[in-house]
């Protein structure tokens, strides 16, 4: 069985209140004015045989447009890990929001793995609604369409194998075609939830992130995450700063990265 190391690379952050991250006010009080910052990640899956990048982050124009704080451009972060984007052959795009599908041109030889439903969602009638298209960059979506016409998009309908030990699974709700990634590691299967759950709190409180096209589908997708991981400690949320606190730091301390193939620890 192929096993991999999995690295979460933090490239940006944003200060915000809890109300930006939780759809419903909790019944035991309203902490919506409390600080609840959000982090932005790309992920690397690798072993001696292959390197797979999961999501490509955003570029400087999007950083400025959305008012985020760039810590290190994701392409530069990959290079700091010893990965030349020009040599990457497989990129999994969990969905087409601006913070997950920018910088596509930095991977000139990659095949992009994307759900059929995500391309249909990002180019279809739902984008006539400003509230639904707000997290999409039209330039990134158009770039992905160009990759389709170049024969460089491998579409998935539900569940698909990217390589031995790496599978993707549809987990709709946040978008119509969101997918998570399940990776075999030495500690068992790790599930990169991406935006199926932005924060540990979304799962723990059963409280969705407010950018959602289908709340019922999102909640059902949480069941899929649990089934795929087999252990809640192997579910990695897509934007939680606690990921950086719970997992061992990468040996290259000059970069913001942690090792997800190692067991998490109590951040306290």
Protein backbone atom coordinates (compact mmCIF):
# COMPACT_ATOMS: atom_id res chain seq x y z
CA UNK A 1 0.00 0.00 0.00
CA UNK A 2 1.30 3.47 -0.90
CA UNK A 3 1.65 5.82 2.05
CA UNK A 4 2.45 9.51 1.93
CA UNK A 5 3.55 12.45 3.96
CA UNK A 6 1.04 15.27 4.00
CA UNK A 7 2.03 18.89 4.60
CA UNK A 8 -0.24 21.85 5.30
CA UNK A 9 1.39 25.06 4.09
CA UNK A 10 -0.10 28.23 5.57
CA UNK A 11 0.21 31.12 3.14
CA UNK A 12 -2.21 33.81 4.39
CA UNK A 13 -4.44 34.86 7.25
CA UNK A 14 -7.28 37.25 8.06
CA UNK A 15 -8.61 38.70 11.30
CA UNK A 16 -12.39 38.42 11.59
CA UNK A 17 -15.20 37.83 14.12
CA UNK A 18 -16.85 34.47 14.77
CA UNK A 19 -19.98 35.72 12.99
CA UNK A 20 -18.05 35.43 9.72
CA UNK A 21 -17.39 31.74 10.35
CA UNK A 22 -20.55 30.36 12.03
CA UNK A 23 -23.95 30.45 10.36
CA UNK A 24 -26.00 30.08 13.55
CA UNK A 25 -25.53 31.71 16.94
CA UNK A 26 -24.84 28.92 19.49
CA UNK A 27 -27.72 28.26 21.95
CA UNK A 28 -25.49 28.85 25.01
CA UNK A 29 -24.77 32.45 24.11
CA UNK A 30 -23.76 34.59 21.18
CA UNK A 31 -19.99 34.79 20.73
CA UNK A 32 -20.36 36.33 17.28
CA UNK A 33 -18.33 39.38 18.20
CA UNK A 34 -15.43 37.27 19.49
CA UNK A 35 -12.26 37.16 17.40
CA UNK A 36 -11.98 34.06 15.20
CA UNK A 37 -9.21 34.49 12.61
CA UNK A 38 -9.09 32.40 9.47
CA UNK A 39 -5.98 30.87 7.90
CA UNK A 40 -5.39 29.92 4.28
CA UNK A 41 -3.59 26.74 3.25
CA UNK A 42 -2.38 24.72 0.33
CA UNK A 43 -1.43 21.11 0.88
CA UNK A 44 1.30 18.80 -0.39
CA UNK A 45 1.02 15.02 -0.65
CA UNK A 46 4.26 13.24 -1.46
CA UNK A 47 6.37 10.12 -1.20
CA UNK A 48 9.35 8.80 -3.13
CA UNK A 49 7.22 8.19 -6.22
CA UNK A 50 5.12 11.33 -6.66
CA UNK A 51 4.17 14.81 -5.54
CA UNK A 52 0.54 15.94 -5.60
CA UNK A 53 -0.45 19.51 -4.76
CA UNK A 54 -3.90 20.17 -3.34
CA UNK A 55 -5.21 23.64 -4.22
CA UNK A 56 -3.15 26.56 -5.45
CA UNK A 57 -4.08 29.47 -3.19
CA UNK A 58 -4.59 33.06 -4.26
CA UNK A 59 -2.29 35.58 -5.91
CA UNK A 60 -1.45 39.16 -4.92
CA UNK A 61 -4.35 40.86 -6.78
CA UNK A 62 -6.90 38.65 -5.01
CA UNK A 63 -5.10 39.17 -1.71
CA UNK A 64 -5.56 42.91 -2.10
CA UNK A 65 -9.12 42.67 -3.43
CA UNK A 66 -10.29 40.54 -0.50
CA UNK A 67 -8.20 42.34 2.13
CA UNK A 68 -6.21 39.30 3.26
CA UNK A 69 -2.70 39.21 4.74
CA UNK A 70 -0.23 37.23 2.64
CA UNK A 71 2.39 35.50 4.78
CA UNK A 72 4.25 33.90 1.88
CA UNK A 73 3.00 33.52 -1.66
CA UNK A 74 1.88 29.88 -2.04
CA UNK A 75 4.14 29.32 -5.05
CA UNK A 76 7.12 30.55 -3.02
CA UNK A 77 6.03 28.35 -0.14
CA UNK A 78 6.07 25.31 -2.39
CA UNK A 79 9.54 26.22 -3.59
CA UNK A 80 10.69 26.52 0.02
CA UNK A 81 9.54 22.92 0.45
CA UNK A 82 11.74 21.92 -2.49
CA UNK A 83 8.87 21.69 -4.96
CA UNK A 84 9.15 23.41 -8.34
CA UNK A 85 5.57 24.01 -9.52
CA UNK A 86 6.73 23.59 -13.12
CA UNK A 87 7.53 19.94 -12.38
CA UNK A 88 4.24 19.09 -10.64
CA UNK A 89 2.15 16.67 -12.69
CA UNK A 90 -1.04 16.46 -10.59
CA UNK A 91 -2.97 19.23 -8.85
CA UNK A 92 -6.21 18.50 -7.04
CA UNK A 93 -8.51 21.52 -6.98
CA UNK A 94 -11.03 21.02 -4.20
CA UNK A 95 -13.24 23.79 -5.60
CA UNK A 96 -12.94 26.95 -7.65
CA UNK A 97 -13.16 29.68 -5.00
CA UNK A 98 -10.52 32.39 -5.32
CA UNK A 99 -8.47 31.15 -2.36
CA UNK A 100 -8.19 27.61 -3.72
CA UNK A 101 -7.84 28.04 -7.48
CA UNK A 102 -5.54 30.98 -8.13
CA UNK A 103 -2.00 30.69 -9.52
CA UNK A 104 -3.05 27.99 -12.00
CA UNK A 105 -0.57 29.23 -14.58
CA UNK A 106 2.30 28.45 -12.19
CA UNK A 107 1.73 24.73 -12.96
CA UNK A 108 2.33 24.56 -16.73
CA UNK A 109 2.64 20.77 -16.93
CA UNK A 110 0.02 19.71 -14.39
CA UNK A 111 -3.25 17.92 -14.87
CA UNK A 112 -5.96 19.50 -12.71
CA UNK A 113 -8.39 17.13 -10.98
CA UNK A 114 -11.82 18.71 -10.52
CA UNK A 115 -15.39 17.57 -9.95
CA UNK A 116 -17.79 17.81 -12.91
CA UNK A 117 -20.29 19.50 -10.61
CA UNK A 118 -17.85 22.25 -9.67
CA UNK A 119 -17.21 23.33 -13.23
CA UNK A 120 -20.94 23.28 -13.93
CA UNK A 121 -21.61 25.34 -10.81
CA UNK A 122 -18.89 27.92 -11.46
CA UNK A 123 -19.95 28.49 -15.08
CA UNK A 124 -23.71 28.02 -14.84
CA UNK A 125 -26.83 29.88 -13.82
CA UNK A 126 -25.93 30.07 -10.12
CA UNK A 127 -23.24 32.61 -11.00
CA UNK A 128 -26.01 35.03 -12.00
CA UNK A 129 -26.47 35.59 -8.25
CA UNK A 130 -23.97 37.98 -6.67
CA UNK A 131 -24.12 36.22 -3.29
CA UNK A 132 -23.12 32.90 -4.86
CA UNK A 133 -20.39 34.18 -7.15
CA UNK A 134 -18.75 36.43 -4.58
CA UNK A 135 -16.01 33.96 -3.64
CA UNK A 136 -15.19 33.09 -7.25
CA UNK A 137 -12.65 34.94 -9.38
CA UNK A 138 -13.87 35.06 -12.96
CA UNK A 139 -10.26 35.10 -14.17
CA UNK A 140 -9.45 31.89 -12.27
CA UNK A 141 -12.57 30.19 -13.59
CA UNK A 142 -11.75 31.27 -17.15
CA UNK A 143 -8.21 29.97 -16.71
CA UNK A 144 -9.60 26.59 -15.70
CA UNK A 145 -11.85 26.61 -18.77
CA UNK A 146 -8.72 27.19 -20.86
CA UNK A 147 -7.08 24.20 -19.17
CA UNK A 148 -10.11 22.13 -20.19
CA UNK A 149 -9.60 23.14 -23.82
CA UNK A 150 -5.91 22.24 -23.49
CA UNK A 151 -6.85 18.74 -22.37
CA UNK A 152 -5.37 19.28 -18.91
CA UNK A 153 -8.41 18.77 -16.67
CA UNK A 154 -9.32 15.31 -15.40
CA UNK A 155 -12.94 15.44 -14.30
CA UNK A 156 -14.32 13.37 -11.43
CA UNK A 157 -17.94 12.42 -10.88
CA UNK A 158 -18.25 11.75 -7.16
CA UNK A 159 -15.34 9.52 -6.14
CA UNK A 160 -12.08 9.04 -8.00
CA UNK A 161 -8.56 7.70 -7.52
CA UNK A 162 -5.77 10.14 -8.29
CA UNK A 163 -2.99 7.66 -7.49
CA UNK A 164 -2.67 4.57 -5.29
CA UNK A 165 -3.55 5.73 -1.77
CA UNK A 166 -4.99 9.11 -2.87
CA UNK A 167 -8.72 9.46 -3.57
CA UNK A 168 -11.12 12.37 -3.93
CA UNK A 169 -14.74 12.39 -2.79
CA UNK A 170 -17.63 14.77 -3.48
CA UNK A 171 -18.68 16.66 -0.33
CA UNK A 172 -21.12 19.30 -1.62
CA UNK A 173 -22.70 22.09 0.37
CA UNK A 174 -20.17 24.89 0.47
CA UNK A 175 -20.23 24.71 -3.33
CA UNK A 176 -22.02 22.26 -5.62
CA UNK A 177 -18.81 20.46 -6.54
CA UNK A 178 -16.55 20.63 -3.49
CA UNK A 179 -14.33 17.58 -3.03
CA UNK A 180 -12.23 16.36 -0.12
CA UNK A 181 -9.03 14.31 -0.38
CA UNK A 182 -8.33 11.06 1.45
CA UNK A 183 -4.67 10.11 1.78
CA UNK A 184 -3.11 6.95 3.16
CA UNK A 185 -0.44 7.78 5.73
CA UNK A 186 1.52 5.96 8.40
CA UNK A 187 -1.12 7.00 10.98
CA UNK A 188 -4.03 5.87 8.83
CA UNK A 189 -6.18 7.73 6.31
CA UNK A 190 -5.98 11.51 6.62
CA UNK A 191 -8.89 13.47 5.15
CA UNK A 192 -8.18 16.96 3.87
CA UNK A 193 -11.67 18.35 4.31
CA UNK A 194 -10.97 21.63 2.53
CA UNK A 195 -14.09 23.76 2.91
CA UNK A 196 -16.42 20.92 3.83
CA UNK A 197 -15.50 22.17 7.30
CA UNK A 198 -13.51 25.38 7.58
CA UNK A 199 -12.97 25.05 11.34
CA UNK A 200 -13.00 22.32 13.96
CA UNK A 201 -15.88 24.29 15.48
CA UNK A 202 -18.06 23.83 12.40
CA UNK A 203 -18.02 20.09 13.03
CA UNK A 204 -17.99 20.15 16.82
CA UNK A 205 -20.95 22.54 17.01
CA UNK A 206 -22.65 21.21 13.86
CA UNK A 207 -22.69 24.84 12.77
CA UNK A 208 -22.01 25.52 9.07
CA UNK A 209 -19.71 28.13 7.61
CA UNK A 210 -21.90 30.95 6.25
CA UNK A 211 -20.77 30.67 2.61
CA UNK A 212 -22.98 27.75 1.65
CA UNK A 213 -25.17 26.88 -1.31
CA UNK A 214 -26.89 23.91 0.39
CA UNK A 215 -26.91 23.58 4.19
CA UNK A 216 -28.47 20.11 4.15
CA UNK A 217 -25.85 18.83 1.71
CA UNK A 218 -23.08 20.32 3.84
CA UNK A 219 -24.33 18.52 6.94
CA UNK A 220 -24.58 15.25 5.05
CA UNK A 221 -21.02 15.81 3.81
CA UNK A 222 -19.85 15.87 7.43
CA UNK A 223 -21.00 12.24 7.65
CA UNK A 224 -18.89 11.45 4.59
CA UNK A 225 -15.82 13.02 6.21
CA UNK A 226 -16.33 10.92 9.33
CA UNK A 227 -16.74 7.72 7.32
CA UNK A 228 -13.67 8.36 5.19
CA UNK A 229 -11.43 9.24 8.13
CA UNK A 230 -12.62 6.58 10.58
CA UNK A 231 -11.33 8.78 13.41
CA UNK A 232 -12.20 12.46 13.94
CA UNK A 233 -8.51 13.20 14.66
CA UNK A 234 -7.77 12.39 11.03
CA UNK A 235 -10.11 15.07 9.65
CA UNK A 236 -8.18 18.25 8.82
CA UNK A 237 -10.33 21.39 8.43
CA UNK A 238 -9.55 23.76 5.60
CA UNK A 239 -8.98 27.09 7.36
CA UNK A 240 -8.54 26.63 11.11
CA UNK A 241 -5.49 28.25 12.78
CA UNK A 242 -5.63 25.37 15.28
CA UNK A 243 -4.15 23.13 12.58
CA UNK A 244 -0.86 24.98 13.04
CA UNK A 245 -1.04 24.48 16.81
CA UNK A 246 -2.08 20.84 16.83
CA UNK A 247 0.37 19.34 14.35
CA UNK A 248 4.18 19.08 14.46
CA UNK A 249 6.00 21.86 12.65
CA UNK A 250 7.88 21.13 9.46
CA UNK A 251 11.66 20.91 10.04
CA UNK A 252 12.15 24.00 7.86
CA UNK A 253 11.13 26.42 10.59
CA UNK A 254 11.36 29.46 8.30
CA UNK A 255 8.13 28.38 6.56
CA UNK A 256 4.65 28.12 8.04
CA UNK A 257 4.01 24.40 7.58
CA UNK A 258 2.96 21.40 9.65
CA UNK A 259 3.06 17.64 9.19
CA UNK A 260 -0.39 16.09 8.94
CA UNK A 261 0.89 12.53 8.58
CA UNK A 262 2.05 12.77 12.20
CA UNK A 263 -0.49 12.48 15.04
CA UNK A 264 -1.91 15.76 16.35
CA UNK A 265 -1.15 16.93 19.84
CA UNK A 266 -3.11 18.91 22.41
CA UNK A 267 -2.45 22.57 21.56
CA UNK A 268 -2.59 23.40 25.27
